[in-house]
Amino acid sequence: MSLGAPEIILILVALVLLFGAKKLPDLARGVGRSLRIFKAETSGLTDDEKPTVVQAQPQPQPQSQPAPPPQLQATPVVELSAEEQARQLEEQAARLRAAAQTEKRS
């Protein structure tokens, strides 16, 4: 059974009525985040059998070039699981939202 344009439009209208127009972007964002995590985990299952290689830090540049500011210096390469990456991104987003709301109030 294939869905045509009228059926898809009817489904979209039903979703808007059920969840409201304001909730749909959040719902879509959550589904997209879940699919990315799922894709990373399924590809991670095949990578478990391969040895993981951590890249070495690049050699420091000669002193002729100015050093970057401390906040822009490279951090060591650490492999994180998809859940850990998602958790860190969610924490960063929450901090940014909180900062934006405090700027709005000011």
N, C-alpha and C. Protein backbone atom coordinates (compact mmCIF):
# COMPACT_ATOMS: atom_id res chain seq x y z
N MET A 1 0.85 -1.17 0.00
CA MET A 1 0.00 0.00 0.00
C MET A 1 0.90 1.24 0.00
N SER A 2 0.68 2.11 -0.96
CA SER A 2 1.48 3.33 -1.04
C SER A 2 0.63 4.53 -0.65
N LEU A 3 1.28 5.49 -0.06
CA LEU A 3 0.58 6.70 0.36
C LEU A 3 0.70 7.75 -0.73
N GLY A 4 -0.41 8.34 -1.10
CA GLY A 4 -0.39 9.41 -2.08
C GLY A 4 -0.36 10.76 -1.39
N ALA A 5 -0.39 11.81 -2.18
CA ALA A 5 -0.34 13.17 -1.64
C ALA A 5 -1.54 13.47 -0.72
N PRO A 6 -2.77 13.09 -1.07
CA PRO A 6 -3.88 13.41 -0.16
C PRO A 6 -3.75 12.73 1.21
N GLU A 7 -3.26 11.51 1.23
CA GLU A 7 -3.10 10.81 2.50
C GLU A 7 -2.04 11.47 3.37
N ILE A 8 -0.93 11.87 2.73
CA ILE A 8 0.15 12.52 3.48
C ILE A 8 -0.33 13.85 4.05
N ILE A 9 -1.06 14.62 3.25
CA ILE A 9 -1.60 15.90 3.73
C ILE A 9 -2.56 15.67 4.89
N LEU A 10 -3.38 14.66 4.81
CA LEU A 10 -4.32 14.35 5.89
C LEU A 10 -3.56 13.97 7.17
N ILE A 11 -2.50 13.20 7.03
CA ILE A 11 -1.69 12.82 8.20
C ILE A 11 -1.05 14.05 8.82
N LEU A 12 -0.50 14.96 8.00
CA LEU A 12 0.11 16.19 8.51
C LEU A 12 -0.90 17.07 9.22
N VAL A 13 -2.11 17.18 8.68
CA VAL A 13 -3.15 17.97 9.34
C VAL A 13 -3.52 17.34 10.68
N ALA A 14 -3.61 16.03 10.72
CA ALA A 14 -3.93 15.34 11.98
C ALA A 14 -2.83 15.58 13.01
N LEU A 15 -1.56 15.54 12.59
CA LEU A 15 -0.46 15.80 13.51
C LEU A 15 -0.50 17.22 14.06
N VAL A 16 -0.81 18.18 13.20
CA VAL A 16 -0.90 19.57 13.66
C VAL A 16 -2.03 19.71 14.66
N LEU A 17 -3.15 19.06 14.39
CA LEU A 17 -4.28 19.14 15.33
C LEU A 17 -3.99 18.45 16.65
N LEU A 18 -3.28 17.33 16.60
CA LEU A 18 -2.99 16.59 17.83
C LEU A 18 -1.93 17.28 18.69
N PHE A 19 -0.84 17.69 18.07
CA PHE A 19 0.29 18.19 18.84
C PHE A 19 0.39 19.71 18.86
N GLY A 20 -0.25 20.39 17.96
CA GLY A 20 -0.14 21.84 17.90
C GLY A 20 1.07 22.23 17.07
N ALA A 21 0.97 23.37 16.43
CA ALA A 21 2.04 23.81 15.53
C ALA A 21 3.33 24.13 16.29
N LYS A 22 3.23 24.55 17.54
CA LYS A 22 4.43 24.90 18.30
C LYS A 22 5.21 23.68 18.75
N LYS A 23 4.56 22.56 18.95
CA LYS A 23 5.23 21.36 19.44
C LYS A 23 5.87 20.54 18.34
N LEU A 24 5.43 20.69 17.10
CA LEU A 24 5.94 19.86 16.01
C LEU A 24 7.44 20.02 15.75
N PRO A 25 8.01 21.23 15.75
CA PRO A 25 9.47 21.32 15.55
C PRO A 25 10.26 20.60 16.64
N ASP A 26 9.81 20.70 17.89
CA ASP A 26 10.48 19.99 18.98
C ASP A 26 10.36 18.49 18.80
N LEU A 27 9.19 18.05 18.38
CA LEU A 27 8.97 16.62 18.14
C LEU A 27 9.87 16.12 17.01
N ALA A 28 9.95 16.88 15.93
CA ALA A 28 10.80 16.48 14.80
C ALA A 28 12.27 16.48 15.20
N ARG A 29 12.68 17.46 16.00
CA ARG A 29 14.06 17.54 16.46
C ARG A 29 14.40 16.32 17.31
N GLY A 30 13.48 15.94 18.19
CA GLY A 30 13.71 14.77 19.04
C GLY A 30 13.80 13.48 18.24
N VAL A 31 12.95 13.35 17.23
CA VAL A 31 12.99 12.17 16.38
C VAL A 31 14.31 12.13 15.60
N GLY A 32 14.74 13.26 15.08
CA GLY A 32 16.00 13.32 14.35
C GLY A 32 17.18 12.97 15.23
N ARG A 33 17.18 13.48 16.46
CA ARG A 33 18.26 13.19 17.41
C ARG A 33 18.28 11.69 17.73
N SER A 34 17.10 11.10 17.92
CA SER A 34 17.02 9.67 18.21
C SER A 34 17.52 8.84 17.05
N LEU A 35 17.17 9.25 15.83
CA LEU A 35 17.63 8.51 14.66
C LEU A 35 19.14 8.60 14.49
N ARG A 36 19.73 9.78 14.78
CA ARG A 36 21.19 9.90 14.71
C ARG A 36 21.87 9.00 15.72
N ILE A 37 21.34 8.95 16.94
CA ILE A 37 21.91 8.09 17.97
C ILE A 37 21.79 6.63 17.56
N PHE A 38 20.62 6.26 17.04
CA PHE A 38 20.39 4.88 16.61
C PHE A 38 21.35 4.50 15.49
N LYS A 39 21.54 5.42 14.52
CA LYS A 39 22.44 5.14 13.40
C LYS A 39 23.87 4.98 13.91
N ALA A 40 24.28 5.83 14.85
CA ALA A 40 25.64 5.73 15.39
C ALA A 40 25.84 4.42 16.14
N GLU A 41 24.83 4.01 16.88
CA GLU A 41 24.95 2.76 17.63
C GLU A 41 24.98 1.55 16.71
N THR A 42 24.16 1.55 15.66
CA THR A 42 24.16 0.40 14.76
C THR A 42 25.46 0.32 13.97
N SER A 43 26.02 1.48 13.59
CA SER A 43 27.31 1.44 12.91
C SER A 43 28.41 1.09 13.91
N GLY A 44 28.21 1.42 15.18
CA GLY A 44 29.18 1.08 16.21
C GLY A 44 29.26 -0.41 16.46
N LEU A 45 28.17 -1.13 16.19
CA LEU A 45 28.18 -2.58 16.37
C LEU A 45 29.18 -3.24 15.42
N THR A 46 29.25 -2.74 14.19
CA THR A 46 30.19 -3.32 13.25
C THR A 46 31.61 -2.85 13.53
N ASP A 47 31.76 -1.66 14.13
CA ASP A 47 33.08 -1.13 14.44
C ASP A 47 33.69 -1.76 15.69
N ASP A 48 32.89 -2.45 16.50
CA ASP A 48 33.40 -3.05 17.73
C ASP A 48 34.48 -4.10 17.44
N GLU A 49 34.37 -4.74 16.31
CA GLU A 49 35.33 -5.78 15.98
C GLU A 49 36.63 -5.20 15.45
N LYS A 50 36.61 -3.96 14.97
CA LYS A 50 37.81 -3.32 14.45
C LYS A 50 38.53 -2.63 15.60
N PRO A 51 39.87 -2.66 15.60
CA PRO A 51 40.59 -1.94 16.66
C PRO A 51 40.44 -0.44 16.46
N THR A 52 40.23 0.29 17.55
CA THR A 52 40.10 1.74 17.47
C THR A 52 41.48 2.37 17.50
N VAL A 53 41.68 3.36 16.65
CA VAL A 53 42.95 4.05 16.55
C VAL A 53 42.73 5.49 16.99
N VAL A 54 43.50 5.93 17.99
CA VAL A 54 43.42 7.30 18.44
C VAL A 54 44.56 8.06 17.78
N GLN A 55 44.23 9.16 17.12
CA GLN A 55 45.23 9.94 16.43
C GLN A 55 46.10 10.68 17.43
N ALA A 56 47.37 10.78 17.11
CA ALA A 56 48.31 11.49 17.98
C ALA A 56 48.12 12.99 17.81
N GLN A 57 48.51 13.72 18.84
CA GLN A 57 48.44 15.17 18.78
C GLN A 57 49.43 15.67 17.73
N PRO A 58 49.06 16.71 16.96
CA PRO A 58 50.00 17.26 16.00
C PRO A 58 51.15 17.94 16.73
N GLN A 59 52.31 17.95 16.09
CA GLN A 59 53.48 18.58 16.69
C GLN A 59 53.26 20.08 16.77
N PRO A 60 53.74 20.73 17.84
CA PRO A 60 53.55 22.17 17.96
C PRO A 60 54.27 22.92 16.84
N GLN A 61 53.67 24.05 16.44
CA GLN A 61 54.24 24.88 15.40
C GLN A 61 55.47 25.62 15.95
N PRO A 62 56.39 26.01 15.09
CA PRO A 62 57.54 26.81 15.55
C PRO A 62 57.04 28.11 16.17
N GLN A 63 57.87 28.73 17.00
CA GLN A 63 57.48 29.93 17.74
C GLN A 63 57.29 31.14 16.86
N SER A 64 57.58 31.05 15.56
CA SER A 64 57.43 32.20 14.68
C SER A 64 55.97 32.62 14.53
N GLN A 65 55.05 31.67 14.70
CA GLN A 65 53.62 31.99 14.60
C GLN A 65 53.06 32.25 15.99
N PRO A 66 52.16 33.24 16.12
CA PRO A 66 51.58 33.49 17.44
C PRO A 66 50.68 32.33 17.86
N ALA A 67 50.67 32.07 19.15
CA ALA A 67 49.85 30.98 19.68
C ALA A 67 48.39 31.42 19.69
N PRO A 68 47.45 30.50 19.44
CA PRO A 68 46.03 30.87 19.48
C PRO A 68 45.61 31.18 20.91
N PRO A 69 44.50 31.91 21.07
CA PRO A 69 44.02 32.19 22.42
C PRO A 69 43.76 30.90 23.18
N PRO A 70 43.83 30.92 24.51
CA PRO A 70 43.68 29.68 25.29
C PRO A 70 42.38 28.94 25.02
N GLN A 71 41.30 29.64 24.77
CA GLN A 71 40.02 28.96 24.58
C GLN A 71 39.93 28.24 23.23
N LEU A 72 40.84 28.55 22.29
CA LEU A 72 40.80 27.92 20.98
C LEU A 72 41.85 26.84 20.81
N GLN A 73 42.63 26.53 21.84
CA GLN A 73 43.66 25.51 21.71
C GLN A 73 43.01 24.14 21.56
N ALA A 74 43.71 23.27 20.85
CA ALA A 74 43.20 21.93 20.59
C ALA A 74 43.16 21.12 21.88
N THR A 75 42.12 20.31 22.00
CA THR A 75 42.01 19.41 23.14
C THR A 75 42.38 18.02 22.68
N PRO A 76 42.78 17.14 23.58
CA PRO A 76 43.14 15.78 23.16
C PRO A 76 41.95 15.07 22.52
N VAL A 77 42.25 14.20 21.56
CA VAL A 77 41.21 13.45 20.87
C VAL A 77 40.75 12.32 21.79
N VAL A 78 39.48 12.36 22.16
CA VAL A 78 38.91 11.34 23.01
C VAL A 78 37.66 10.83 22.32
N GLU A 79 37.57 9.54 22.13
CA GLU A 79 36.39 8.97 21.49
C GLU A 79 35.29 8.83 22.53
N LEU A 80 34.12 9.39 22.20
CA LEU A 80 32.97 9.34 23.09
C LEU A 80 31.89 8.49 22.44
N SER A 81 31.09 7.88 23.27
CA SER A 81 29.96 7.12 22.74
C SER A 81 28.92 8.11 22.22
N ALA A 82 28.02 7.62 21.42
CA ALA A 82 26.97 8.48 20.87
C ALA A 82 26.11 9.06 21.98
N GLU A 83 25.84 8.27 23.02
CA GLU A 83 25.02 8.78 24.13
C GLU A 83 25.74 9.91 24.85
N GLU A 84 27.05 9.75 25.04
CA GLU A 84 27.82 10.78 25.74
C GLU A 84 27.87 12.05 24.90
N GLN A 85 28.05 11.91 23.59
CA GLN A 85 28.05 13.08 22.71
C GLN A 85 26.69 13.77 22.75
N ALA A 86 25.61 12.99 22.69
CA ALA A 86 24.28 13.58 22.73
C ALA A 86 24.04 14.28 24.07
N ARG A 87 24.49 13.69 25.17
CA ARG A 87 24.32 14.30 26.49
C ARG A 87 25.07 15.62 26.56
N GLN A 88 26.31 15.64 26.04
CA GLN A 88 27.09 16.87 26.07
C GLN A 88 26.46 17.96 25.22
N LEU A 89 25.93 17.57 24.05
CA LEU A 89 25.27 18.55 23.20
C LEU A 89 24.01 19.10 23.84
N GLU A 90 23.25 18.24 24.51
CA GLU A 90 22.05 18.69 25.19
C GLU A 90 22.39 19.64 26.34
N GLU A 91 23.47 19.34 27.07
CA GLU A 91 23.90 20.24 28.16
C GLU A 91 24.33 21.58 27.60
N GLN A 92 25.05 21.56 26.49
CA GLN A 92 25.50 22.81 25.87
C GLN A 92 24.30 23.61 25.38
N ALA A 93 23.31 22.95 24.79
CA ALA A 93 22.11 23.64 24.32
C ALA A 93 21.36 24.26 25.49
N ALA A 94 21.28 23.53 26.61
CA ALA A 94 20.59 24.07 27.79
C ALA A 94 21.31 25.31 28.31
N ARG A 95 22.64 25.27 28.33
CA ARG A 95 23.40 26.46 28.77
C ARG A 95 23.16 27.64 27.84
N LEU A 96 23.13 27.38 26.53
CA LEU A 96 22.90 28.46 25.57
C LEU A 96 21.49 29.03 25.72
N ARG A 97 20.50 28.16 25.94
CA ARG A 97 19.13 28.63 26.15
C ARG A 97 19.04 29.50 27.39
N ALA A 98 19.69 29.06 28.47
CA ALA A 98 19.67 29.82 29.72
C ALA A 98 20.34 31.17 29.52
N ALA A 99 21.44 31.22 28.80
CA ALA A 99 22.14 32.48 28.55
C ALA A 99 21.27 33.40 27.68
N ALA A 100 20.59 32.84 26.70
CA ALA A 100 19.73 33.66 25.85
C ALA A 100 18.56 34.22 26.63
N GLN A 101 18.01 33.44 27.56
CA GLN A 101 16.89 33.94 28.34
C GLN A 101 17.33 35.02 29.31
N THR A 102 18.53 34.91 29.88
CA THR A 102 19.01 35.96 30.78
C THR A 102 19.29 37.24 29.98
N GLU A 103 19.73 37.11 28.72
CA GLU A 103 19.94 38.29 27.89
C GLU A 103 18.60 38.93 27.53
N LYS A 104 17.56 38.12 27.31
CA LYS A 104 16.23 38.65 27.02
C LYS A 104 15.69 39.46 28.19
N ARG A 105 15.91 38.96 29.38
CA ARG A 105 15.40 39.62 30.58
C ARG A 105 16.12 40.93 30.85
N SER A 106 17.37 41.03 30.41
CA SER A 106 18.16 42.25 30.68
C SER A 106 17.77 43.39 29.76
